[in-house]
Amino acid sequence: MKPDCEDIKIAIGFYGNRLHTIDFTRGSDGDAYMMMHQNETELTFQEKPGIGCLSSLVLDSKALIVCGSFDHRIRMVSARTLKLLVQLSFHQKIVNRVEVQRGKGKGEVTVHSVSEDGYYAQWLLTL
């Protein structure tokens, strides 16, 4: 199955204040991706460095990344722009697992999370 989006952005960062991004675009054959651009930017979509876990989803034309963080928060960012879309707070310890799934309604997503605090949380979001 081919992805729904033409462009992909990968962000790489580890315990620092800089984020390395690599942009890919779908090749002319429609199956492979080609690297188009590399960039190093300031971390702007999270207050503290360190991501505990990731989940992603392409919903219609939106490519979403959900990050469970060491700072106990869950963030949903655009995979294309890396801009923060939603920040969720509930857990009191490191978030170990996040999962994002399509919801039942148009533009709905369900985010599930589990933390070292022993709690499971679920959010239904409309984008």
N, C-alpha and C. Protein backbone atom coordinates (compact mmCIF):
# COMPACT_ATOMS: atom_id res chain seq x y z
N MET A 1 0.83 -1.18 0.00
CA MET A 1 0.00 0.00 0.00
C MET A 1 0.87 1.24 0.00
N LYS A 2 0.62 2.17 -0.90
CA LYS A 2 1.40 3.39 -1.00
C LYS A 2 0.90 4.41 0.01
N PRO A 3 1.83 5.25 0.55
CA PRO A 3 1.41 6.27 1.51
C PRO A 3 0.50 7.31 0.86
N ASP A 4 -0.32 7.96 1.69
CA ASP A 4 -1.24 8.99 1.21
C ASP A 4 -0.55 10.33 0.97
N CYS A 5 0.66 10.51 1.45
CA CYS A 5 1.30 11.82 1.34
C CYS A 5 2.48 11.76 0.38
N GLU A 6 2.79 12.90 -0.22
CA GLU A 6 3.88 13.00 -1.18
C GLU A 6 5.22 13.29 -0.50
N ASP A 7 5.21 14.04 0.60
CA ASP A 7 6.43 14.45 1.27
C ASP A 7 6.49 13.88 2.68
N ILE A 8 7.71 13.61 3.14
CA ILE A 8 7.94 13.09 4.49
C ILE A 8 9.05 13.92 5.12
N LYS A 9 8.91 14.25 6.40
CA LYS A 9 9.95 14.94 7.15
C LYS A 9 10.34 14.05 8.33
N ILE A 10 11.63 13.82 8.50
CA ILE A 10 12.14 13.05 9.63
C ILE A 10 12.91 14.01 10.53
N ALA A 11 12.60 13.96 11.82
CA ALA A 11 13.29 14.81 12.79
C ALA A 11 14.13 13.94 13.70
N ILE A 12 15.38 14.35 13.91
CA ILE A 12 16.30 13.60 14.75
C ILE A 12 16.84 14.54 15.81
N GLY A 13 16.65 14.18 17.06
CA GLY A 13 17.17 15.00 18.15
C GLY A 13 17.33 14.13 19.37
N PHE A 14 18.37 14.40 20.17
CA PHE A 14 18.60 13.57 21.34
C PHE A 14 19.24 14.40 22.42
N TYR A 15 18.49 14.73 23.46
CA TYR A 15 19.01 15.43 24.64
C TYR A 15 19.81 16.68 24.29
N GLY A 16 19.31 17.48 23.42
CA GLY A 16 20.00 18.71 23.07
C GLY A 16 19.02 19.79 22.70
N ASN A 17 19.53 20.96 22.34
CA ASN A 17 18.65 22.05 21.97
C ASN A 17 18.59 22.24 20.46
N ARG A 18 19.14 21.33 19.69
CA ARG A 18 19.11 21.40 18.23
C ARG A 18 18.38 20.17 17.69
N LEU A 19 17.71 20.36 16.56
CA LEU A 19 16.96 19.28 15.93
C LEU A 19 17.39 19.20 14.47
N HIS A 20 17.77 18.04 14.01
CA HIS A 20 18.18 17.82 12.62
C HIS A 20 16.97 17.28 11.86
N THR A 21 16.60 17.92 10.76
CA THR A 21 15.46 17.46 9.97
C THR A 21 15.93 17.09 8.57
N ILE A 22 15.31 16.06 8.01
CA ILE A 22 15.59 15.61 6.65
C ILE A 22 14.27 15.51 5.92
N ASP A 23 14.18 16.19 4.77
CA ASP A 23 12.97 16.18 3.95
C ASP A 23 13.12 15.20 2.80
N PHE A 24 12.07 14.40 2.58
CA PHE A 24 12.04 13.46 1.47
C PHE A 24 10.82 13.77 0.61
N THR A 25 10.93 13.52 -0.69
CA THR A 25 9.79 13.64 -1.58
C THR A 25 9.69 12.37 -2.42
N ARG A 26 8.49 12.04 -2.80
CA ARG A 26 8.26 10.82 -3.58
C ARG A 26 8.91 10.96 -4.94
N GLY A 27 9.63 9.92 -5.36
CA GLY A 27 10.31 9.92 -6.66
C GLY A 27 9.34 9.79 -7.81
N SER A 28 9.86 9.96 -9.01
CA SER A 28 9.02 9.93 -10.21
C SER A 28 8.38 8.57 -10.45
N ASP A 29 8.99 7.49 -9.93
CA ASP A 29 8.40 6.16 -10.12
C ASP A 29 7.23 5.90 -9.16
N GLY A 30 7.06 6.78 -8.14
CA GLY A 30 5.94 6.68 -7.22
C GLY A 30 6.15 5.71 -6.08
N ASP A 31 7.23 4.92 -6.10
CA ASP A 31 7.48 3.93 -5.05
C ASP A 31 8.57 4.36 -4.07
N ALA A 32 9.61 4.99 -4.56
CA ALA A 32 10.75 5.36 -3.73
C ALA A 32 10.69 6.83 -3.35
N TYR A 33 11.39 7.17 -2.27
CA TYR A 33 11.51 8.55 -1.85
C TYR A 33 12.95 9.01 -2.05
N MET A 34 13.11 10.29 -2.35
CA MET A 34 14.43 10.88 -2.54
C MET A 34 14.64 11.95 -1.47
N MET A 35 15.88 12.01 -0.93
CA MET A 35 16.19 13.05 0.05
C MET A 35 16.34 14.37 -0.69
N MET A 36 15.62 15.39 -0.21
CA MET A 36 15.64 16.68 -0.89
C MET A 36 16.40 17.76 -0.11
N HIS A 37 16.36 17.71 1.23
CA HIS A 37 16.91 18.82 1.99
C HIS A 37 17.23 18.34 3.40
N GLN A 38 18.34 18.84 3.95
CA GLN A 38 18.68 18.62 5.35
C GLN A 38 18.80 19.97 6.03
N ASN A 39 18.39 20.02 7.29
CA ASN A 39 18.40 21.28 8.01
C ASN A 39 18.63 21.02 9.49
N GLU A 40 19.27 21.95 10.16
CA GLU A 40 19.41 21.89 11.61
C GLU A 40 18.70 23.11 12.18
N THR A 41 17.76 22.89 13.10
CA THR A 41 16.94 23.97 13.61
C THR A 41 16.90 23.92 15.13
N GLU A 42 16.36 24.98 15.72
CA GLU A 42 16.12 25.01 17.15
C GLU A 42 14.95 24.09 17.47
N LEU A 43 14.98 23.46 18.62
CA LEU A 43 13.84 22.69 19.10
C LEU A 43 12.73 23.67 19.45
N THR A 44 11.60 23.59 18.76
CA THR A 44 10.54 24.54 19.03
C THR A 44 9.24 23.88 19.46
N PHE A 45 9.10 22.57 19.27
CA PHE A 45 7.82 21.95 19.55
C PHE A 45 7.77 21.24 20.89
N GLN A 46 8.80 21.35 21.68
CA GLN A 46 8.72 20.80 23.02
C GLN A 46 9.63 21.58 23.96
N GLU A 47 9.21 21.71 25.20
CA GLU A 47 9.95 22.52 26.15
C GLU A 47 11.20 21.84 26.66
N LYS A 48 11.15 20.53 26.79
CA LYS A 48 12.30 19.79 27.28
C LYS A 48 12.70 18.76 26.24
N PRO A 49 14.00 18.53 26.05
CA PRO A 49 14.42 17.53 25.09
C PRO A 49 14.16 16.12 25.62
N GLY A 50 14.11 15.18 24.72
CA GLY A 50 13.93 13.79 25.09
C GLY A 50 12.55 13.29 24.78
N ILE A 51 12.45 12.36 23.89
CA ILE A 51 11.17 11.76 23.53
C ILE A 51 11.18 10.33 24.01
N GLY A 52 10.15 9.93 24.73
CA GLY A 52 10.08 8.58 25.26
C GLY A 52 9.57 7.58 24.24
N CYS A 53 8.61 7.97 23.40
CA CYS A 53 8.02 7.05 22.44
C CYS A 53 7.28 7.84 21.37
N LEU A 54 7.06 7.19 20.23
CA LEU A 54 6.42 7.84 19.08
C LEU A 54 5.36 6.95 18.48
N SER A 55 4.37 7.58 17.87
CA SER A 55 3.38 6.90 17.03
C SER A 55 3.02 7.87 15.93
N SER A 56 2.66 7.38 14.75
CA SER A 56 2.32 8.28 13.65
C SER A 56 1.10 7.78 12.91
N LEU A 57 0.48 8.70 12.18
CA LEU A 57 -0.74 8.40 11.44
C LEU A 57 -0.91 9.41 10.32
N VAL A 58 -1.31 8.94 9.13
CA VAL A 58 -1.70 9.84 8.06
C VAL A 58 -3.22 9.83 8.03
N LEU A 59 -3.82 11.00 8.26
CA LEU A 59 -5.27 11.16 8.32
C LEU A 59 -5.67 12.15 7.25
N ASP A 60 -6.34 11.67 6.22
CA ASP A 60 -6.66 12.50 5.05
C ASP A 60 -5.34 13.06 4.51
N SER A 61 -5.17 14.36 4.49
CA SER A 61 -3.93 14.94 3.99
C SER A 61 -2.98 15.34 5.11
N LYS A 62 -3.32 15.01 6.36
CA LYS A 62 -2.50 15.39 7.51
C LYS A 62 -1.63 14.22 7.94
N ALA A 63 -0.34 14.49 8.08
CA ALA A 63 0.60 13.50 8.62
C ALA A 63 0.89 13.90 10.06
N LEU A 64 0.59 13.03 11.01
CA LEU A 64 0.67 13.35 12.43
C LEU A 64 1.72 12.48 13.13
N ILE A 65 2.42 13.08 14.08
CA ILE A 65 3.32 12.34 14.96
C ILE A 65 2.87 12.62 16.38
N VAL A 66 2.71 11.57 17.17
CA VAL A 66 2.38 11.72 18.59
C VAL A 66 3.60 11.27 19.37
N CYS A 67 4.07 12.14 20.29
CA CYS A 67 5.28 11.89 21.07
C CYS A 67 4.91 11.78 22.54
N GLY A 68 5.32 10.71 23.18
CA GLY A 68 5.23 10.59 24.63
C GLY A 68 6.58 10.96 25.19
N SER A 69 6.61 11.88 26.16
CA SER A 69 7.87 12.49 26.57
C SER A 69 8.30 12.15 27.98
N PHE A 70 9.57 12.40 28.25
CA PHE A 70 10.14 12.23 29.57
C PHE A 70 9.58 13.26 30.54
N ASP A 71 9.02 14.36 30.02
CA ASP A 71 8.46 15.39 30.90
C ASP A 71 6.98 15.12 31.21
N HIS A 72 6.52 13.90 30.97
CA HIS A 72 5.19 13.40 31.36
C HIS A 72 4.07 13.87 30.44
N ARG A 73 4.39 14.59 29.38
CA ARG A 73 3.37 15.11 28.48
C ARG A 73 3.34 14.34 27.16
N ILE A 74 2.23 14.51 26.46
CA ILE A 74 2.05 13.91 25.14
C ILE A 74 1.81 15.06 24.17
N ARG A 75 2.54 15.05 23.08
CA ARG A 75 2.40 16.12 22.09
C ARG A 75 2.06 15.52 20.73
N MET A 76 1.17 16.18 20.02
CA MET A 76 0.88 15.83 18.64
C MET A 76 1.43 16.95 17.77
N VAL A 77 2.29 16.58 16.82
CA VAL A 77 2.90 17.57 15.93
C VAL A 77 2.62 17.18 14.49
N SER A 78 2.68 18.17 13.61
CA SER A 78 2.57 17.93 12.18
C SER A 78 3.88 17.33 11.70
N ALA A 79 3.83 16.22 10.99
CA ALA A 79 5.05 15.60 10.46
C ALA A 79 5.64 16.45 9.34
N ARG A 80 4.84 17.28 8.73
CA ARG A 80 5.34 18.12 7.64
C ARG A 80 6.03 19.38 8.13
N THR A 81 5.49 20.01 9.16
CA THR A 81 6.03 21.30 9.63
C THR A 81 6.70 21.22 10.99
N LEU A 82 6.48 20.14 11.73
CA LEU A 82 6.96 19.94 13.11
C LEU A 82 6.35 20.95 14.08
N LYS A 83 5.24 21.56 13.71
CA LYS A 83 4.56 22.49 14.61
C LYS A 83 3.65 21.73 15.57
N LEU A 84 3.60 22.21 16.80
CA LEU A 84 2.77 21.61 17.82
C LEU A 84 1.30 21.81 17.49
N LEU A 85 0.52 20.73 17.47
CA LEU A 85 -0.91 20.80 17.22
C LEU A 85 -1.71 20.68 18.51
N VAL A 86 -1.29 19.74 19.38
CA VAL A 86 -2.00 19.48 20.64
C VAL A 86 -0.97 19.05 21.68
N GLN A 87 -1.16 19.51 22.91
CA GLN A 87 -0.36 19.03 24.04
C GLN A 87 -1.31 18.49 25.09
N LEU A 88 -1.08 17.26 25.53
CA LEU A 88 -1.96 16.59 26.49
C LEU A 88 -1.19 16.35 27.79
N SER A 89 -1.81 16.70 28.90
CA SER A 89 -1.20 16.49 30.21
C SER A 89 -2.13 15.64 31.06
N PHE A 90 -1.57 14.60 31.65
CA PHE A 90 -2.32 13.74 32.57
C PHE A 90 -1.34 12.98 33.45
N HIS A 91 -0.33 12.38 32.83
CA HIS A 91 0.57 11.49 33.54
C HIS A 91 1.51 12.24 34.48
N GLN A 92 2.01 11.51 35.48
CA GLN A 92 2.91 12.07 36.48
C GLN A 92 4.34 11.53 36.35
N LYS A 93 4.54 10.59 35.44
CA LYS A 93 5.88 10.02 35.20
C LYS A 93 6.09 9.85 33.70
N ILE A 94 7.26 9.34 33.32
CA ILE A 94 7.63 9.19 31.91
C ILE A 94 6.57 8.38 31.17
N VAL A 95 6.19 8.88 29.99
CA VAL A 95 5.22 8.18 29.14
C VAL A 95 5.99 7.11 28.36
N ASN A 96 5.61 5.85 28.58
CA ASN A 96 6.32 4.72 27.96
C ASN A 96 5.78 4.31 26.60
N ARG A 97 4.51 4.59 26.36
CA ARG A 97 3.89 4.10 25.12
C ARG A 97 2.77 5.04 24.72
N VAL A 98 2.73 5.40 23.44
CA VAL A 98 1.60 6.14 22.86
C VAL A 98 1.19 5.44 21.58
N GLU A 99 -0.06 5.58 21.25
CA GLU A 99 -0.60 5.01 20.01
C GLU A 99 -1.68 5.96 19.52
N VAL A 100 -1.63 6.31 18.24
CA VAL A 100 -2.65 7.16 17.65
C VAL A 100 -3.37 6.33 16.57
N GLN A 101 -4.70 6.42 16.58
CA GLN A 101 -5.53 5.65 15.64
C GLN A 101 -6.61 6.55 15.08
N ARG A 102 -7.12 6.18 13.93
CA ARG A 102 -8.26 6.89 13.36
C ARG A 102 -9.46 6.73 14.28
N GLY A 103 -10.22 7.80 14.43
CA GLY A 103 -11.46 7.73 15.18
C GLY A 103 -12.59 7.30 14.27
N LYS A 104 -13.78 7.24 14.79
CA LYS A 104 -14.93 6.81 14.00
C LYS A 104 -15.49 7.93 13.13
N GLY A 105 -15.41 9.17 13.61
CA GLY A 105 -15.94 10.31 12.86
C GLY A 105 -14.90 10.93 11.95
N LYS A 106 -15.33 11.80 11.06
CA LYS A 106 -14.42 12.49 10.14
C LYS A 106 -13.50 13.42 10.92
N GLY A 107 -12.21 13.29 10.68
CA GLY A 107 -11.23 14.14 11.34
C GLY A 107 -10.95 13.78 12.78
N GLU A 108 -11.47 12.64 13.25
CA GLU A 108 -11.24 12.23 14.64
C GLU A 108 -10.05 11.28 14.75
N VAL A 109 -9.29 11.44 15.81
CA VAL A 109 -8.23 10.51 16.16
C VAL A 109 -8.36 10.15 17.63
N THR A 110 -7.94 8.95 17.96
CA THR A 110 -7.89 8.51 19.35
C THR A 110 -6.43 8.32 19.73
N VAL A 111 -6.03 8.92 20.84
CA VAL A 111 -4.67 8.80 21.35
C VAL A 111 -4.73 7.98 22.64
N HIS A 112 -3.93 6.93 22.73
CA HIS A 112 -3.82 6.08 23.91
C HIS A 112 -2.42 6.26 24.48
N SER A 113 -2.29 6.27 25.80
CA SER A 113 -0.97 6.38 26.42
C SER A 113 -0.90 5.56 27.71
N VAL A 114 0.33 5.12 28.01
CA VAL A 114 0.63 4.40 29.25
C VAL A 114 1.91 5.02 29.80
N SER A 115 1.95 5.17 31.12
CA SER A 115 3.08 5.82 31.76
C SER A 115 3.64 4.96 32.90
N GLU A 116 4.84 5.34 33.34
CA GLU A 116 5.44 4.67 34.49
C GLU A 116 4.65 4.92 35.78
N ASP A 117 3.71 5.87 35.74
CA ASP A 117 2.87 6.09 36.92
C ASP A 117 1.80 5.01 37.07
N GLY A 118 1.71 4.10 36.09
CA GLY A 118 0.77 2.99 36.17
C GLY A 118 -0.60 3.26 35.58
N TYR A 119 -0.79 4.44 34.99
CA TYR A 119 -2.09 4.80 34.44
C TYR A 119 -2.12 4.67 32.93
N TYR A 120 -3.32 4.37 32.43
CA TYR A 120 -3.63 4.36 31.00
C TYR A 120 -4.56 5.54 30.75
N ALA A 121 -4.32 6.28 29.67
CA ALA A 121 -5.18 7.40 29.33
C ALA A 121 -5.62 7.29 27.87
N GLN A 122 -6.80 7.82 27.58
CA GLN A 122 -7.32 7.81 26.21
C GLN A 122 -7.99 9.15 25.94
N TRP A 123 -7.68 9.74 24.77
CA TRP A 123 -8.28 10.99 24.35
C TRP A 123 -8.89 10.81 22.97
N LEU A 124 -10.06 11.41 22.76
CA LEU A 124 -10.68 11.47 21.45
C LEU A 124 -10.57 12.91 20.99
N LEU A 125 -9.84 13.15 19.89
CA LEU A 125 -9.57 14.50 19.41
C LEU A 125 -10.17 14.68 18.02
N THR A 126 -10.67 15.86 17.74
CA THR A 126 -11.16 16.20 16.41
C THR A 126 -10.21 17.23 15.83
N LEU A 127 -9.67 16.92 14.67
CA LEU A 127 -8.69 17.83 14.01
C LEU A 127 -9.33 18.61 12.91
